Amino acid sequence: MLSLALLLFPFFHFPGLFLVISLLLYFLPAFLARDKHNFTGIFILNLVAGWTFIGWIIALIWAVTSDAQRPPAPPLQQAMAGAPQQPMYSAPPGYFCSKCGKRCAYDERFCSSCGAALPSTAR
C-alpha cells in the first residue's frame, strides 16, 4: 500500500521539491500581484488567510482583477513648465463693507453701494 502511494505521489521522494512547489502554489496570488498597487494587502491576506481555501481564492481573485499601478505624477515644475503662464489675480487694496459686503476702494470713506461709513484708517 505504501509503495502505491509513493508511485502516485512522486513528491514524497523529494521532500525539498514538495516544499518548494507547495510554497509557490501557496503564494501564487502574491506572485501574480507583485506589480499591482495593492500588493501589500493581497500579500497580507494571502499570508494570514491563505491556508483556508476561501482566503486563498479571494486573494487569487483580488490579484487577478486589481488594476496595474499608475505611473507617478511628474514633478510640479515639469508640469507647470508646459502650461501657459497666467497672471495671478491681485485684488486692489481696500475694504469690504460690513453692511452689504461689496468691495470698496482703500481711500473711500463711505460705501459706494449702500452709503455705510467705512472704517477710518491712519492716513
N, C-alpha and C. Protein backbone atom coordinates (compact mmCIF):
# COMPACT_ATOMS: atom_id res chain seq x y z
N MET A 1 0.82 -1.19 0.00
CA MET A 1 0.00 0.00 0.00
C MET A 1 0.86 1.25 0.00
N LEU A 2 1.94 1.24 0.75
CA LEU A 2 2.83 2.39 0.83
C LEU A 2 3.52 2.62 -0.51
N SER A 3 3.90 1.57 -1.20
CA SER A 3 4.56 1.74 -2.49
C SER A 3 3.59 2.31 -3.53
N LEU A 4 2.31 2.01 -3.44
CA LEU A 4 1.32 2.58 -4.34
C LEU A 4 1.20 4.09 -4.11
N ALA A 5 1.24 4.52 -2.86
CA ALA A 5 1.17 5.95 -2.55
C ALA A 5 2.42 6.66 -3.07
N LEU A 6 3.57 6.01 -2.98
CA LEU A 6 4.80 6.63 -3.47
C LEU A 6 4.81 6.71 -4.99
N LEU A 7 4.19 5.75 -5.65
CA LEU A 7 4.11 5.81 -7.11
C LEU A 7 3.13 6.90 -7.56
N LEU A 8 2.04 7.07 -6.83
CA LEU A 8 1.05 8.07 -7.21
C LEU A 8 1.49 9.50 -6.85
N PHE A 9 2.27 9.63 -5.80
CA PHE A 9 2.73 10.94 -5.34
C PHE A 9 4.26 10.96 -5.32
N PRO A 10 4.88 11.25 -6.45
CA PRO A 10 6.34 11.19 -6.51
C PRO A 10 7.02 12.30 -5.70
N PHE A 11 6.28 13.30 -5.26
CA PHE A 11 6.91 14.38 -4.49
C PHE A 11 7.41 13.88 -3.14
N PHE A 12 6.84 12.79 -2.64
CA PHE A 12 7.27 12.29 -1.35
C PHE A 12 8.68 11.73 -1.40
N HIS A 13 9.17 11.48 -2.59
CA HIS A 13 10.56 11.02 -2.73
C HIS A 13 11.51 12.19 -2.50
N PHE A 14 11.05 13.40 -2.82
CA PHE A 14 11.89 14.59 -2.71
C PHE A 14 11.17 15.62 -1.85
N PRO A 15 11.34 15.57 -0.54
CA PRO A 15 10.58 16.48 0.33
C PRO A 15 10.94 17.95 0.07
N GLY A 16 12.16 18.27 -0.34
CA GLY A 16 12.52 19.65 -0.64
C GLY A 16 11.75 20.18 -1.84
N LEU A 17 11.62 19.35 -2.87
CA LEU A 17 10.86 19.73 -4.06
C LEU A 17 9.39 19.91 -3.72
N PHE A 18 8.85 19.04 -2.88
CA PHE A 18 7.47 19.16 -2.44
C PHE A 18 7.25 20.47 -1.68
N LEU A 19 8.19 20.84 -0.84
CA LEU A 19 8.09 22.08 -0.07
C LEU A 19 8.14 23.30 -0.98
N VAL A 20 9.04 23.32 -1.95
CA VAL A 20 9.17 24.45 -2.86
C VAL A 20 7.91 24.61 -3.72
N ILE A 21 7.40 23.53 -4.26
CA ILE A 21 6.20 23.60 -5.08
C ILE A 21 4.99 24.01 -4.24
N SER A 22 4.90 23.52 -3.02
CA SER A 22 3.80 23.90 -2.14
C SER A 22 3.84 25.39 -1.83
N LEU A 23 5.01 25.93 -1.53
CA LEU A 23 5.13 27.36 -1.23
C LEU A 23 4.83 28.21 -2.46
N LEU A 24 5.25 27.75 -3.63
CA LEU A 24 4.95 28.50 -4.85
C LEU A 24 3.44 28.54 -5.11
N LEU A 25 2.78 27.43 -4.92
CA LEU A 25 1.33 27.42 -5.10
C LEU A 25 0.61 28.23 -4.02
N TYR A 26 1.13 28.17 -2.78
CA TYR A 26 0.50 28.91 -1.69
C TYR A 26 0.59 30.42 -1.94
N PHE A 27 1.74 30.90 -2.40
CA PHE A 27 1.94 32.33 -2.61
C PHE A 27 1.70 32.74 -4.07
N LEU A 28 0.98 31.94 -4.83
CA LEU A 28 0.66 32.29 -6.21
C LEU A 28 -0.10 33.61 -6.32
N PRO A 29 -1.10 33.91 -5.47
CA PRO A 29 -1.77 35.21 -5.56
C PRO A 29 -0.82 36.38 -5.33
N ALA A 30 0.07 36.26 -4.37
CA ALA A 30 1.02 37.34 -4.11
C ALA A 30 1.99 37.50 -5.27
N PHE A 31 2.38 36.39 -5.88
CA PHE A 31 3.28 36.46 -7.03
C PHE A 31 2.60 37.13 -8.22
N LEU A 32 1.32 36.83 -8.44
CA LEU A 32 0.59 37.44 -9.54
C LEU A 32 0.35 38.93 -9.31
N ALA A 33 0.31 39.35 -8.04
CA ALA A 33 0.03 40.75 -7.71
C ALA A 33 1.28 41.56 -7.45
N ARG A 34 2.44 41.09 -7.83
CA ARG A 34 3.68 41.78 -7.47
C ARG A 34 3.83 43.16 -8.11
N ASP A 35 3.14 43.44 -9.22
CA ASP A 35 3.22 44.75 -9.86
C ASP A 35 1.97 45.59 -9.65
N LYS A 36 1.10 45.17 -8.77
CA LYS A 36 -0.15 45.89 -8.52
C LYS A 36 0.05 46.91 -7.41
N HIS A 37 -0.82 47.95 -7.41
CA HIS A 37 -0.68 48.98 -6.39
C HIS A 37 -1.15 48.50 -5.02
N ASN A 38 -1.92 47.45 -4.95
CA ASN A 38 -2.38 46.93 -3.66
C ASN A 38 -1.73 45.59 -3.35
N PHE A 39 -0.46 45.45 -3.70
CA PHE A 39 0.29 44.21 -3.46
C PHE A 39 0.34 43.87 -1.98
N THR A 40 0.55 44.89 -1.13
CA THR A 40 0.70 44.62 0.30
C THR A 40 -0.56 44.00 0.88
N GLY A 41 -1.72 44.51 0.51
CA GLY A 41 -2.97 43.95 1.02
C GLY A 41 -3.18 42.52 0.55
N ILE A 42 -2.85 42.26 -0.70
CA ILE A 42 -3.01 40.90 -1.23
C ILE A 42 -2.04 39.95 -0.55
N PHE A 43 -0.81 40.41 -0.33
CA PHE A 43 0.19 39.56 0.33
C PHE A 43 -0.22 39.24 1.76
N ILE A 44 -0.71 40.25 2.49
CA ILE A 44 -1.11 40.01 3.88
C ILE A 44 -2.31 39.07 3.94
N LEU A 45 -3.29 39.27 3.05
CA LEU A 45 -4.43 38.36 3.01
C LEU A 45 -3.97 36.94 2.68
N ASN A 46 -3.06 36.81 1.73
CA ASN A 46 -2.54 35.50 1.34
C ASN A 46 -1.77 34.85 2.49
N LEU A 47 -1.00 35.65 3.21
CA LEU A 47 -0.19 35.13 4.31
C LEU A 47 -1.06 34.70 5.49
N VAL A 48 -2.06 35.54 5.83
CA VAL A 48 -2.87 35.27 7.03
C VAL A 48 -4.00 34.28 6.76
N ALA A 49 -4.73 34.46 5.65
CA ALA A 49 -5.91 33.62 5.41
C ALA A 49 -5.73 32.68 4.24
N GLY A 50 -4.53 32.60 3.68
CA GLY A 50 -4.32 31.73 2.53
C GLY A 50 -4.40 30.26 2.86
N TRP A 51 -4.22 29.90 4.11
CA TRP A 51 -4.28 28.49 4.49
C TRP A 51 -5.70 27.95 4.39
N THR A 52 -6.69 28.88 4.44
CA THR A 52 -8.06 28.45 4.17
C THR A 52 -8.26 28.53 2.66
N PHE A 53 -8.98 27.65 2.12
CA PHE A 53 -9.18 27.64 0.67
C PHE A 53 -9.92 28.90 0.23
N ILE A 54 -10.89 29.36 1.03
CA ILE A 54 -11.66 30.56 0.69
C ILE A 54 -10.74 31.78 0.67
N GLY A 55 -9.88 31.92 1.68
CA GLY A 55 -8.95 33.05 1.73
C GLY A 55 -8.00 33.05 0.55
N TRP A 56 -7.54 31.88 0.16
CA TRP A 56 -6.62 31.77 -0.97
C TRP A 56 -7.32 32.14 -2.28
N ILE A 57 -8.57 31.70 -2.44
CA ILE A 57 -9.34 32.03 -3.64
C ILE A 57 -9.63 33.53 -3.70
N ILE A 58 -9.98 34.15 -2.56
CA ILE A 58 -10.23 35.59 -2.54
C ILE A 58 -8.96 36.35 -2.90
N ALA A 59 -7.82 35.94 -2.34
CA ALA A 59 -6.55 36.60 -2.67
C ALA A 59 -6.21 36.42 -4.15
N LEU A 60 -6.49 35.25 -4.69
CA LEU A 60 -6.21 34.99 -6.10
C LEU A 60 -7.10 35.86 -7.00
N ILE A 61 -8.38 35.95 -6.68
CA ILE A 61 -9.28 36.79 -7.48
C ILE A 61 -8.88 38.26 -7.37
N TRP A 62 -8.52 38.70 -6.17
CA TRP A 62 -8.10 40.09 -5.97
C TRP A 62 -6.83 40.38 -6.75
N ALA A 63 -5.92 39.43 -6.79
CA ALA A 63 -4.66 39.63 -7.51
C ALA A 63 -4.88 39.70 -9.01
N VAL A 64 -5.81 38.94 -9.51
CA VAL A 64 -6.04 38.90 -10.96
C VAL A 64 -6.86 40.11 -11.42
N THR A 65 -7.79 40.59 -10.60
CA THR A 65 -8.68 41.66 -11.04
C THR A 65 -8.22 43.06 -10.65
N SER A 66 -7.20 43.21 -9.84
CA SER A 66 -6.80 44.56 -9.43
C SER A 66 -6.08 45.27 -10.58
N ASP A 67 -6.17 46.59 -10.57
CA ASP A 67 -5.58 47.40 -11.63
C ASP A 67 -4.06 47.49 -11.46
N ALA A 68 -3.38 47.75 -12.57
CA ALA A 68 -1.93 47.94 -12.52
C ALA A 68 -1.63 49.29 -11.86
N GLN A 69 -0.44 49.41 -11.34
CA GLN A 69 -0.04 50.64 -10.65
C GLN A 69 0.07 51.79 -11.65
N ARG A 70 -0.49 52.94 -11.27
CA ARG A 70 -0.42 54.11 -12.12
C ARG A 70 0.98 54.70 -12.09
N PRO A 71 1.42 55.27 -13.21
CA PRO A 71 2.75 55.89 -13.19
C PRO A 71 2.75 57.10 -12.27
N PRO A 72 3.89 57.40 -11.66
CA PRO A 72 3.94 58.53 -10.74
C PRO A 72 3.71 59.84 -11.48
N ALA A 73 3.12 60.79 -10.79
CA ALA A 73 2.86 62.10 -11.38
C ALA A 73 4.18 62.85 -11.58
N PRO A 74 4.29 63.62 -12.66
CA PRO A 74 5.52 64.38 -12.87
C PRO A 74 5.66 65.46 -11.80
N PRO A 75 6.89 65.87 -11.51
CA PRO A 75 7.08 66.94 -10.54
C PRO A 75 6.37 68.21 -10.97
N LEU A 76 6.06 69.06 -10.00
CA LEU A 76 5.26 70.25 -10.26
C LEU A 76 5.95 71.20 -11.22
N GLN A 77 7.28 71.34 -11.14
CA GLN A 77 7.97 72.25 -12.05
C GLN A 77 7.84 71.78 -13.49
N GLN A 78 7.93 70.49 -13.74
CA GLN A 78 7.81 69.98 -15.10
C GLN A 78 6.38 70.14 -15.60
N ALA A 79 5.40 69.92 -14.74
CA ALA A 79 4.01 70.05 -15.16
C ALA A 79 3.68 71.51 -15.45
N MET A 80 4.25 72.42 -14.67
CA MET A 80 3.95 73.84 -14.86
C MET A 80 4.75 74.43 -16.02
N ALA A 81 5.85 73.78 -16.43
CA ALA A 81 6.68 74.33 -17.50
C ALA A 81 5.93 74.32 -18.82
N GLY A 82 5.12 73.33 -19.08
CA GLY A 82 4.40 73.25 -20.34
C GLY A 82 3.10 74.05 -20.34
N ALA A 83 2.61 74.42 -19.18
CA ALA A 83 1.35 75.14 -19.10
C ALA A 83 1.57 76.63 -19.39
N PRO A 84 0.62 77.26 -20.04
CA PRO A 84 0.77 78.71 -20.28
C PRO A 84 0.70 79.46 -18.96
N GLN A 85 1.53 80.44 -18.83
CA GLN A 85 1.59 81.22 -17.60
C GLN A 85 0.46 82.23 -17.58
N GLN A 86 -0.33 82.20 -16.55
CA GLN A 86 -1.41 83.15 -16.38
C GLN A 86 -1.10 83.99 -15.16
N PRO A 87 -1.30 85.29 -15.25
CA PRO A 87 -1.01 86.12 -14.08
C PRO A 87 -2.01 85.83 -12.97
N MET A 88 -1.51 85.87 -11.77
CA MET A 88 -2.37 85.68 -10.61
C MET A 88 -3.23 86.92 -10.43
N TYR A 89 -4.50 86.73 -10.09
CA TYR A 89 -5.39 87.86 -9.88
C TYR A 89 -5.03 88.50 -8.55
N SER A 90 -4.80 89.77 -8.58
CA SER A 90 -4.49 90.50 -7.37
C SER A 90 -5.54 91.59 -7.21
N ALA A 91 -6.32 91.47 -6.17
CA ALA A 91 -7.35 92.48 -5.94
C ALA A 91 -6.71 93.75 -5.42
N PRO A 92 -7.21 94.89 -5.84
CA PRO A 92 -6.66 96.14 -5.32
C PRO A 92 -6.92 96.24 -3.83
N PRO A 93 -6.07 96.93 -3.11
CA PRO A 93 -6.27 97.04 -1.66
C PRO A 93 -7.56 97.79 -1.37
N GLY A 94 -8.23 97.39 -0.35
CA GLY A 94 -9.48 98.05 0.00
C GLY A 94 -10.16 97.34 1.14
N TYR A 95 -11.44 97.61 1.28
CA TYR A 95 -12.25 97.06 2.36
C TYR A 95 -13.45 96.34 1.77
N PHE A 96 -14.07 95.54 2.60
CA PHE A 96 -15.39 95.01 2.30
C PHE A 96 -16.34 95.73 3.24
N CYS A 97 -17.43 96.16 2.70
CA CYS A 97 -18.43 96.87 3.51
C CYS A 97 -19.04 95.90 4.52
N SER A 98 -19.18 96.36 5.75
CA SER A 98 -19.75 95.50 6.78
C SER A 98 -21.26 95.39 6.67
N LYS A 99 -21.89 96.26 5.91
CA LYS A 99 -23.35 96.22 5.75
C LYS A 99 -23.76 95.38 4.55
N CYS A 100 -23.16 95.68 3.35
CA CYS A 100 -23.62 95.00 2.13
C CYS A 100 -22.61 93.98 1.59
N GLY A 101 -21.36 94.01 2.04
CA GLY A 101 -20.37 93.04 1.62
C GLY A 101 -19.67 93.36 0.32
N LYS A 102 -19.91 94.51 -0.27
CA LYS A 102 -19.26 94.91 -1.52
C LYS A 102 -17.85 95.43 -1.22
N ARG A 103 -16.97 95.27 -2.23
CA ARG A 103 -15.60 95.77 -2.08
C ARG A 103 -15.61 97.29 -2.31
N CYS A 104 -14.88 97.97 -1.45
CA CYS A 104 -14.75 99.42 -1.55
C CYS A 104 -13.27 99.75 -1.66
N ALA A 105 -12.96 100.83 -2.34
CA ALA A 105 -11.57 101.24 -2.51
C ALA A 105 -10.98 101.65 -1.16
N TYR A 106 -9.66 101.64 -1.10
CA TYR A 106 -8.95 101.92 0.13
C TYR A 106 -9.15 103.36 0.59
N ASP A 107 -9.26 104.29 -0.34
CA ASP A 107 -9.32 105.70 0.03
C ASP A 107 -10.75 106.23 0.21
N GLU A 108 -11.77 105.39 0.07
CA GLU A 108 -13.15 105.84 0.25
C GLU A 108 -13.51 105.85 1.73
N ARG A 109 -14.39 106.80 2.09
CA ARG A 109 -14.85 106.89 3.47
C ARG A 109 -16.25 106.27 3.64
N PHE A 110 -17.00 106.18 2.52
CA PHE A 110 -18.35 105.63 2.55
C PHE A 110 -18.49 104.59 1.44
N CYS A 111 -19.32 103.58 1.67
CA CYS A 111 -19.56 102.52 0.68
C CYS A 111 -20.30 103.11 -0.51
N SER A 112 -19.84 102.79 -1.71
CA SER A 112 -20.47 103.33 -2.92
C SER A 112 -21.81 102.65 -3.21
N SER A 113 -22.09 101.46 -2.62
CA SER A 113 -23.36 100.80 -2.87
C SER A 113 -24.43 101.17 -1.87
N CYS A 114 -24.11 101.10 -0.57
CA CYS A 114 -25.15 101.32 0.43
C CYS A 114 -24.95 102.61 1.23
N GLY A 115 -23.81 103.25 1.12
CA GLY A 115 -23.57 104.51 1.81
C GLY A 115 -23.13 104.37 3.23
N ALA A 116 -22.87 103.16 3.72
CA ALA A 116 -22.44 102.97 5.10
C ALA A 116 -21.03 103.50 5.29
N ALA A 117 -20.74 103.96 6.49
CA ALA A 117 -19.41 104.51 6.78
C ALA A 117 -18.41 103.35 6.85
N LEU A 118 -17.26 103.54 6.22
CA LEU A 118 -16.20 102.55 6.25
C LEU A 118 -15.25 102.84 7.40
N PRO A 119 -14.50 101.85 7.87
CA PRO A 119 -13.60 102.11 9.00
C PRO A 119 -12.53 103.12 8.60
N SER A 120 -12.23 103.99 9.53
CA SER A 120 -11.20 105.01 9.23
C SER A 120 -9.83 104.39 9.46
N THR A 121 -8.87 104.85 8.68
CA THR A 121 -7.51 104.36 8.79
C THR A 121 -6.59 105.54 9.05
N ALA A 122 -5.40 105.23 9.49
CA ALA A 122 -4.42 106.30 9.68
C ALA A 122 -3.96 106.75 8.32
N ARG A 123 -4.27 107.97 7.94
CA ARG A 123 -3.94 108.48 6.62
C ARG A 123 -2.95 109.58 6.71
